[in-house]
Protein backbone atom coordinates (compact mmCIF):
# COMPACT_ATOMS: atom_id res chain seq x y z
CA MET A 1 -52.54 4.56 51.01
CA ILE A 2 -49.68 6.36 52.77
CA LYS A 3 -48.45 9.48 50.95
CA ILE A 4 -44.78 10.44 51.25
CA LEU A 5 -42.87 13.36 49.80
CA PHE A 6 -39.11 13.27 49.27
CA GLU A 7 -37.93 16.88 49.33
CA GLY A 8 -35.22 17.24 46.70
CA SER A 9 -32.29 19.02 48.35
CA ILE A 10 -29.84 16.18 47.64
CA PHE A 11 -30.52 16.45 43.91
CA LEU A 12 -29.37 20.06 43.89
CA HIS A 13 -26.39 19.11 46.04
CA GLN A 14 -24.99 16.32 43.84
CA LYS A 15 -25.13 15.18 40.21
CA VAL A 16 -24.55 11.55 41.08
CA GLY A 17 -23.82 9.68 44.28
CA GLY A 18 -24.91 7.02 46.72
CA ILE A 19 -27.47 9.22 48.49
CA SER A 20 -29.20 10.17 45.23
CA LYS A 21 -29.33 6.53 44.18
CA TYR A 22 -30.74 5.50 47.58
CA ILE A 23 -33.59 8.03 47.46
CA PHE A 24 -34.33 7.21 43.83
CA LYS A 25 -34.60 3.49 44.64
CA LEU A 26 -36.96 4.09 47.57
CA ASN A 27 -39.21 6.25 45.44
CA GLN A 28 -39.13 3.78 42.56
CA LYS A 29 -40.43 0.79 44.55
CA ASN A 30 -42.62 2.28 47.29
CA SER A 31 -45.83 1.65 45.34
CA LEU A 32 -45.36 -2.11 45.79
CA PHE A 33 -46.14 -1.59 49.49
CA LYS A 34 -49.23 0.59 48.99
CA ILE A 35 -47.12 3.69 49.58
CA LYS A 36 -47.48 6.64 47.23
CA SER A 37 -44.30 8.70 47.07
CA ILE A 38 -43.02 11.60 45.00
CA ILE A 39 -39.61 13.19 44.62
CA PHE A 40 -40.07 16.95 44.37
CA ALA A 41 -36.87 18.63 43.15
CA PRO A 42 -37.89 21.86 41.35
CA ILE A 43 -34.35 22.86 40.39
CA ASN A 44 -31.71 20.14 40.33
CA LYS A 45 -28.47 19.04 38.70
CA SER A 46 -29.04 15.30 39.02
CA PHE A 47 -28.17 12.77 36.31
CA ILE A 48 -30.59 10.29 37.93
CA LEU A 49 -33.90 12.14 37.82
CA SER A 50 -36.08 11.89 34.71
CA LYS A 51 -39.32 13.66 33.80
CA ASN A 52 -40.49 10.48 32.13
CA LEU A 53 -41.36 9.01 35.54
CA LYS A 54 -44.74 9.95 37.01
CA ASN A 55 -43.55 10.13 40.60
CA ILE A 56 -40.71 12.60 39.94
CA ILE A 57 -41.42 16.32 39.62
CA TYR A 58 -38.95 18.99 38.60
CA PHE A 59 -38.94 22.16 36.49
CA PHE A 60 -35.33 22.92 35.58
CA LYS A 61 -31.97 21.16 35.41
CA VAL A 62 -28.71 23.08 35.79
CA ARG A 63 -25.21 21.89 35.03
CA GLU A 64 -23.73 23.77 37.95
CA ILE A 65 -25.00 26.28 40.49
CA PRO A 66 -23.50 29.68 39.56
CA ALA A 67 -21.01 31.17 41.98
CA TYR A 68 -22.57 32.94 44.99
CA CYS A 69 -26.03 31.56 44.07
CA PHE A 70 -26.19 28.50 46.34
CA LYS A 71 -28.40 30.09 48.98
CA PHE A 72 -30.70 31.58 46.36
CA PHE A 73 -31.23 28.28 44.55
CA TYR A 74 -31.90 26.42 47.79
CA LEU A 75 -34.30 29.14 48.92
CA ILE A 76 -36.31 28.90 45.68
CA ASN A 77 -36.46 25.11 45.98
CA ASN A 78 -37.59 25.28 49.59
CA LEU A 79 -40.30 27.86 48.93
CA LEU A 80 -41.66 25.79 46.04
CA THR A 81 -41.51 22.66 48.19
CA ILE A 82 -43.50 24.32 50.98
CA ILE A 83 -46.18 25.31 48.45
CA TYR A 84 -46.24 21.80 47.01
CA ILE A 85 -46.62 20.25 50.47
CA LYS A 86 -49.82 22.29 50.92
CA LEU A 87 -51.14 21.01 47.57
CA TYR A 88 -50.01 17.37 47.80
CA LYS A 89 -50.80 17.02 51.53
CA PRO A 90 -48.41 14.13 52.27
CA ASP A 91 -48.67 12.12 55.49
CA PHE A 92 -45.04 12.89 56.15
CA LEU A 93 -41.80 14.10 54.63
CA HIS A 94 -38.66 12.03 54.08
CA LEU A 95 -35.74 14.46 54.06
CA THR A 96 -33.12 13.58 51.47
CA TYR A 97 -30.45 15.71 53.14
CA TYR A 98 -29.96 18.05 56.10
CA ASN A 99 -32.58 20.65 55.19
CA ASN A 100 -32.78 22.89 58.26
CA PHE A 101 -34.79 25.62 56.53
CA ILE A 102 -37.88 23.66 55.60
CA ILE A 103 -38.67 22.21 59.03
CA ASN A 104 -39.40 25.71 60.33
CA TYR A 105 -42.33 26.05 57.94
CA ILE A 106 -44.03 22.65 57.97
CA LYS A 107 -46.26 20.99 60.53
CA ILE A 108 -46.22 17.41 59.19
CA PRO A 109 -43.88 14.77 60.68
CA TYR A 110 -40.66 13.90 58.92
CA ILE A 111 -38.14 11.08 58.72
CA LEU A 112 -34.43 11.75 58.39
CA THR A 113 -31.74 9.43 57.03
CA ILE A 114 -28.28 9.94 58.55
CA TYR A 115 -25.54 8.78 56.20
CA ASP A 116 -22.51 9.56 58.35
CA LEU A 117 -21.22 11.91 61.05
CA ILE A 118 -17.97 12.76 59.30
CA HIS A 119 -18.29 16.54 59.70
CA GLU A 120 -18.69 16.08 63.44
CA LYS A 121 -15.61 13.87 63.59
CA LEU A 122 -13.61 16.49 61.74
CA ASN A 123 -14.81 19.20 64.16
CA LYS A 124 -16.27 21.26 61.34
CA GLU A 125 -19.91 20.97 62.34
CA GLN A 126 -20.20 24.54 63.58
CA ASN A 127 -19.31 25.84 60.15
CA LEU A 128 -21.49 23.43 58.19
CA PHE A 129 -24.81 21.81 58.96
CA LYS A 130 -26.34 22.71 62.31
CA LYS A 131 -28.27 19.49 62.66
CA PHE A 132 -29.29 19.41 66.30
CA LYS A 133 -32.85 20.74 65.92
CA LEU A 134 -33.32 18.72 62.74
CA ILE A 135 -32.35 15.49 64.50
CA GLN A 136 -34.22 16.12 67.75
CA ASN A 137 -37.52 16.95 65.98
CA ALA A 138 -37.48 14.01 63.55
CA SER A 139 -40.21 11.39 64.04
CA HIS A 140 -37.71 8.67 63.27
CA ILE A 141 -34.13 8.38 62.06
CA ILE A 142 -32.66 5.83 59.67
CA CYS A 143 -28.90 5.14 59.84
CA ILE A 144 -27.15 3.25 57.06
CA SER A 145 -24.76 1.38 59.37
CA ASN A 146 -24.42 0.47 63.03
CA GLN A 147 -21.30 2.63 63.22
CA THR A 148 -23.32 5.63 62.06
CA LYS A 149 -25.92 4.83 64.73
CA LYS A 150 -23.20 4.73 67.41
CA ASP A 151 -21.83 8.07 66.20
CA LEU A 152 -25.32 9.61 66.18
CA ILE A 153 -25.93 8.58 69.78
CA LYS A 154 -22.48 9.84 70.76
CA TYR A 155 -22.79 13.29 69.22
CA TYR A 156 -26.52 13.97 69.56
CA LYS A 157 -27.66 11.78 72.49
CA VAL A 158 -30.57 10.33 70.48
CA ARG A 159 -32.45 7.51 72.19
CA LYS A 160 -31.92 4.10 70.57
CA SER A 161 -35.66 3.46 70.08
CA LYS A 162 -35.82 6.39 67.68
CA ILE A 163 -33.17 4.91 65.36
CA SER A 164 -33.34 2.08 62.83
CA VAL A 165 -30.33 0.72 60.96
CA ILE A 166 -31.09 -0.12 57.33
CA TYR A 167 -28.21 -1.06 55.06
CA LEU A 168 -27.95 0.15 51.48
CA GLY A 169 -27.83 -2.34 48.63
CA THR A 170 -26.83 -3.02 45.06
CA GLU A 171 -28.82 -3.98 41.98
CA ASN A 172 -29.40 -7.62 41.07
CA LYS A 173 -27.48 -10.47 42.61
CA SER A 174 -23.96 -10.75 41.30
CA LYS A 175 -23.00 -13.47 38.86
CA LYS A 176 -19.65 -14.87 37.85
CA ILE A 177 -18.11 -12.28 35.56
CA ASN A 178 -15.49 -13.30 33.02
CA PHE A 179 -13.83 -10.05 32.01
CA LYS A 180 -10.18 -9.62 31.10
CA LYS A 181 -8.49 -7.51 33.75
CA LYS A 182 -6.27 -4.58 32.89
CA LYS A 183 -3.40 -3.12 34.87
CA ILE A 184 -5.66 -0.56 36.51
CA ILE A 185 -6.13 0.48 40.14
CA LEU A 186 -9.52 2.18 40.37
CA PHE A 187 -10.40 5.07 42.69
CA VAL A 188 -13.95 6.48 42.56
CA GLY A 189 -15.41 9.80 43.70
CA SER A 190 -14.02 12.69 45.73
CA ARG A 191 -10.32 12.55 46.57
CA VAL A 192 -9.94 15.47 48.98
CA GLY A 193 -9.84 15.64 52.76
CA TYR A 194 -10.86 12.47 54.60
CA LYS A 195 -10.90 10.53 51.31
CA ASN A 196 -7.14 10.39 51.81
CA PHE A 197 -6.13 10.02 48.15
CA ILE A 198 -2.76 11.69 48.76
CA ASN A 199 -1.63 8.74 50.91
CA LEU A 200 -2.55 6.36 48.10
CA LEU A 201 -0.44 8.43 45.69
CA LYS A 202 2.52 8.39 48.08
CA ALA A 203 2.23 4.63 48.65
CA PHE A 204 2.01 3.97 44.91
CA GLY A 205 4.98 6.24 44.25
CA LYS A 206 7.20 4.28 46.68
CA SER A 207 6.80 1.05 44.71
CA LYS A 208 8.86 0.34 41.57
CA PHE A 209 6.65 -2.67 40.90
CA LEU A 210 3.47 -0.59 40.90
CA LYS A 211 4.97 2.28 38.90
CA ASN A 212 6.29 -0.09 36.24
CA ASN A 213 3.16 -2.20 35.90
CA PHE A 214 0.01 -0.30 36.94
CA LYS A 215 -1.91 2.90 36.45
CA ILE A 216 -4.34 4.63 38.83
CA LEU A 217 -7.64 5.64 37.26
CA CYS A 218 -9.62 8.29 39.17
CA PHE A 219 -13.27 8.26 38.17
CA GLY A 220 -15.49 11.21 39.05
CA GLY A 221 -14.59 13.63 41.79
CA GLU A 222 -12.99 17.03 41.53
CA ALA A 223 -10.59 18.44 38.96
CA ILE A 224 -6.98 17.68 39.79
CA THR A 225 -5.76 19.82 42.70
CA ILE A 226 -2.54 21.81 43.02
CA GLU A 227 -1.34 19.50 45.80
CA GLU A 228 -2.00 16.43 43.66
CA LYS A 229 -0.08 17.94 40.74
CA LYS A 230 2.91 18.66 42.97
CA ILE A 231 3.02 15.12 44.37
CA ILE A 232 2.48 13.52 40.94
CA ASN A 233 5.35 15.56 39.51
CA ARG A 234 7.62 14.96 42.51
CA LEU A 235 7.08 11.19 42.39
CA ASN A 236 7.27 11.14 38.58
CA LEU A 237 3.78 9.65 38.20
CA ARG A 238 2.55 11.69 35.23
CA GLU A 239 2.27 8.55 33.09
CA ASN A 240 0.57 6.56 35.85
CA ILE A 241 -2.41 8.73 36.87
CA PHE A 242 -5.51 9.25 34.73
CA PHE A 243 -8.85 10.97 35.30
CA ASP A 244 -12.26 10.25 33.79
CA ASN A 245 -15.96 10.93 34.33
CA GLY A 246 -19.21 9.41 33.15
CA ASP A 247 -22.37 7.54 34.05
CA ASP A 248 -22.95 4.27 35.94
CA LYS A 249 -22.65 2.23 32.74
CA LYS A 250 -19.14 3.54 32.12
CA LEU A 251 -18.19 3.09 35.77
CA ASN A 252 -19.41 -0.53 35.72
CA THR A 253 -17.09 -1.19 32.78
CA TYR A 254 -14.15 0.12 34.81
CA TYR A 255 -15.17 -2.04 37.79
CA LYS A 256 -15.02 -5.08 35.51
CA LYS A 257 -11.69 -4.13 33.93
CA ALA A 258 -9.83 -2.97 37.04
CA SER A 259 -7.41 -5.31 38.79
CA LEU A 260 -8.19 -3.64 42.13
CA TYR A 261 -10.57 -1.12 43.63
CA VAL A 262 -9.09 1.04 46.40
CA SER A 263 -10.67 3.19 49.12
CA VAL A 264 -8.37 4.56 51.82
CA SER A 265 -10.91 6.88 53.48
CA LEU A 266 -10.40 7.88 57.08
CA PHE A 267 -14.17 7.85 57.69
CA GLU A 268 -17.23 6.55 55.82
CA GLY A 269 -20.90 5.94 56.54
CA PHE A 270 -21.29 2.78 54.45
CA GLY A 271 -19.13 2.27 51.34
CA LEU A 272 -21.56 1.77 48.46
CA THR A 273 -18.89 1.98 45.75
CA LEU A 274 -16.98 -0.89 47.36
CA LEU A 275 -20.11 -3.02 47.22
CA GLU A 276 -20.70 -2.10 43.59
CA ALA A 277 -17.10 -2.97 42.73
CA MET A 278 -17.52 -6.41 44.34
CA ARG A 279 -20.73 -6.98 42.39
CA MET A 280 -18.80 -6.43 39.17
CA GLY A 281 -16.06 -8.88 40.12
CA CYS A 282 -13.44 -6.38 41.24
CA PRO A 283 -11.26 -7.21 44.27
CA VAL A 284 -11.20 -4.51 46.95
CA LEU A 285 -8.52 -3.01 49.19
CA CYS A 286 -9.82 -0.58 51.80
CA SER A 287 -9.19 1.17 55.12
CA ASN A 288 -9.52 -0.81 58.34
CA ILE A 289 -12.07 1.70 59.67
CA PRO A 290 -14.99 0.38 61.79
CA THR A 291 -17.64 0.95 59.10
CA PHE A 292 -15.80 -1.08 56.47
CA ARG A 293 -15.10 -3.84 59.01
CA GLU A 294 -18.81 -3.94 59.83
CA ILE A 295 -20.09 -4.02 56.25
CA PHE A 296 -17.44 -6.05 54.44
CA ASN A 297 -16.13 -8.40 57.13
CA ASN A 298 -13.35 -10.53 55.55
CA SER A 299 -14.09 -9.85 51.87
CA CYS A 300 -11.43 -7.11 51.47
CA ILE A 301 -7.77 -6.54 52.10
CA PHE A 302 -7.65 -4.02 54.96
CA VAL A 303 -4.95 -1.38 55.40
CA ASN A 304 -4.08 1.32 57.90
CA PRO A 305 -5.03 4.44 55.89
CA LYS A 306 -2.53 6.58 57.80
CA ASN A 307 0.40 4.23 57.19
CA ILE A 308 1.82 4.75 53.71
CA GLU A 309 4.19 1.79 53.94
CA ASN A 310 1.33 -0.51 54.97
CA ILE A 311 -0.72 0.64 51.97
CA ARG A 312 2.23 -0.02 49.64
CA LYS A 313 2.84 -3.53 50.98
CA LYS A 314 -0.83 -4.53 50.75
CA LEU A 315 -1.17 -3.13 47.22
CA GLU A 316 1.80 -5.21 46.10
CA GLN A 317 0.52 -8.27 48.00
CA VAL A 318 -2.75 -8.29 46.06
CA LEU A 319 -1.50 -7.17 42.67
CA LYS A 320 1.36 -9.69 42.57
CA SER A 321 -1.00 -12.60 43.19
CA LYS A 322 -3.74 -13.70 40.78
CA LYS A 323 -4.73 -16.29 43.35
CA GLU A 324 -5.29 -13.57 45.97
CA GLN A 325 -7.35 -11.53 43.52
CA LYS A 326 -9.59 -14.47 42.62
CA LYS A 327 -10.12 -15.26 46.30
CA LEU A 328 -11.17 -11.66 46.99
CA ILE A 329 -13.55 -11.70 44.01
CA GLN A 330 -15.31 -14.83 45.31
CA LYS A 331 -15.55 -13.41 48.84
CA GLY A 332 -16.93 -10.21 47.33
CA PHE A 333 -19.74 -12.09 45.57
CA ILE A 334 -20.73 -13.69 48.89
CA THR A 335 -20.79 -10.30 50.62
CA VAL A 336 -22.85 -8.69 47.86
CA SER A 337 -25.54 -11.35 48.23
CA LYS A 338 -26.24 -9.99 51.74
CA TYR A 339 -27.03 -6.47 50.57
CA ASN A 340 -29.70 -5.58 48.00
CA TRP A 341 -32.14 -2.77 47.30
CA ASP A 342 -35.13 -5.09 47.74
CA ARG A 343 -34.42 -5.58 51.43
CA CYS A 344 -33.49 -1.93 51.94
CA ILE A 345 -36.79 -0.75 50.44
CA LEU A 346 -38.86 -3.34 52.30
CA GLU A 347 -37.34 -2.47 55.68
CA THR A 348 -37.87 1.23 54.99
CA ALA A 349 -41.52 0.61 54.05
CA ASN A 350 -41.96 -1.15 57.39
CA ILE A 351 -40.63 1.95 59.18
CA TYR A 352 -43.11 4.16 57.32
CA LYS A 353 -46.06 1.98 58.27
CA LYS A 354 -44.97 1.48 61.86
CA ILE A 355 -44.55 5.20 62.48
CA LEU A 356 -47.82 6.29 60.92
CA ASN A 357 -50.29 3.64 62.01
CA GLY A 358 -48.57 0.66 63.57
CA GLU A 359 -49.46 -1.66 60.72
CA LYS A 360 -48.09 -5.19 60.66
CA LYS A 361 -44.65 -5.48 59.13
CA PHE A 362 -44.02 -7.06 55.74
CA ASP A 363 -42.03 -10.30 55.74
CA PHE A 364 -39.03 -10.69 53.46
CA SER A 365 -40.26 -14.01 52.08
CA SER A 366 -40.42 -15.35 48.55
CA ASP A 367 -43.97 -14.03 48.25
CA ASN A 368 -42.92 -10.46 49.04
CA LYS A 369 -39.68 -10.05 47.14
CA LEU A 370 -39.66 -7.13 44.70
């Protein structure tokens, strides 16, 4: 049986998020393919990890990493992980995030998943993750979209044969959901920088129809920023913008209730929240960026994220038409059926086996579905 260790850096980096969910799902189902895997996250702040599961190991949970203690916490985790690698003796490591430190102290092969190259596109790479050595020394690299693969080749000159594209997924297949919609536009996750939330605010504020009939609900993400407060006050949107946090169950309720889910990001690696919104019967409006075009095809209303007037017009177009909303919901269900965790896990298991011993691939047939 192949033994894999997921080092837990992502679970100290984020409480919730698509990456955490992806790693958790891989670890949860690997045993079905005669693969023994463990998530080792000694100190973490994750809402996903539970000590009740045998293949998850951690010692402490923290609400937040204290100021000026980031490097210390990551150092402790890495030292404990290095010790555990010597005890567990895995066949290889699957890095959950860009952990440059640990690769200097291990001799076993490792796989790396690249989620996006947004930092490189924003020219901030020199001040953030110095990934070159990490990428060049990986035994294999998984990208979560073809666009991410193209970006990886562009910035790091990685040979194509070293890269596999494996899409993320959602839970079970979507079903027709009868849920009374409310006058809510839903925005999920971080709002700063390339997430481009300010342009959504400005577009919303230009429309009397939207201001008189709808509210924007921001779920998760940061506390409201000074810039956001200024724009909300200037556009007189104090009664239109609300903020909330919670778990996946609460978020799923908002997906069902919202009249529209919006993402106007300038860059993304996949777009998992869009897929989850579609699964819950929520129509989607999103940026016309290459990644979203690749993943969602014609199941969304696409906008130019840099054009505020275009965002306003498209918002009104969808929200004034129940017929348009129903059409988007049906297209969303079709798109969701193409992406599921079963296929993601199976294709990843095939990569593990191919790299280590060239075993025959599993087939995604009715006999092998999870």
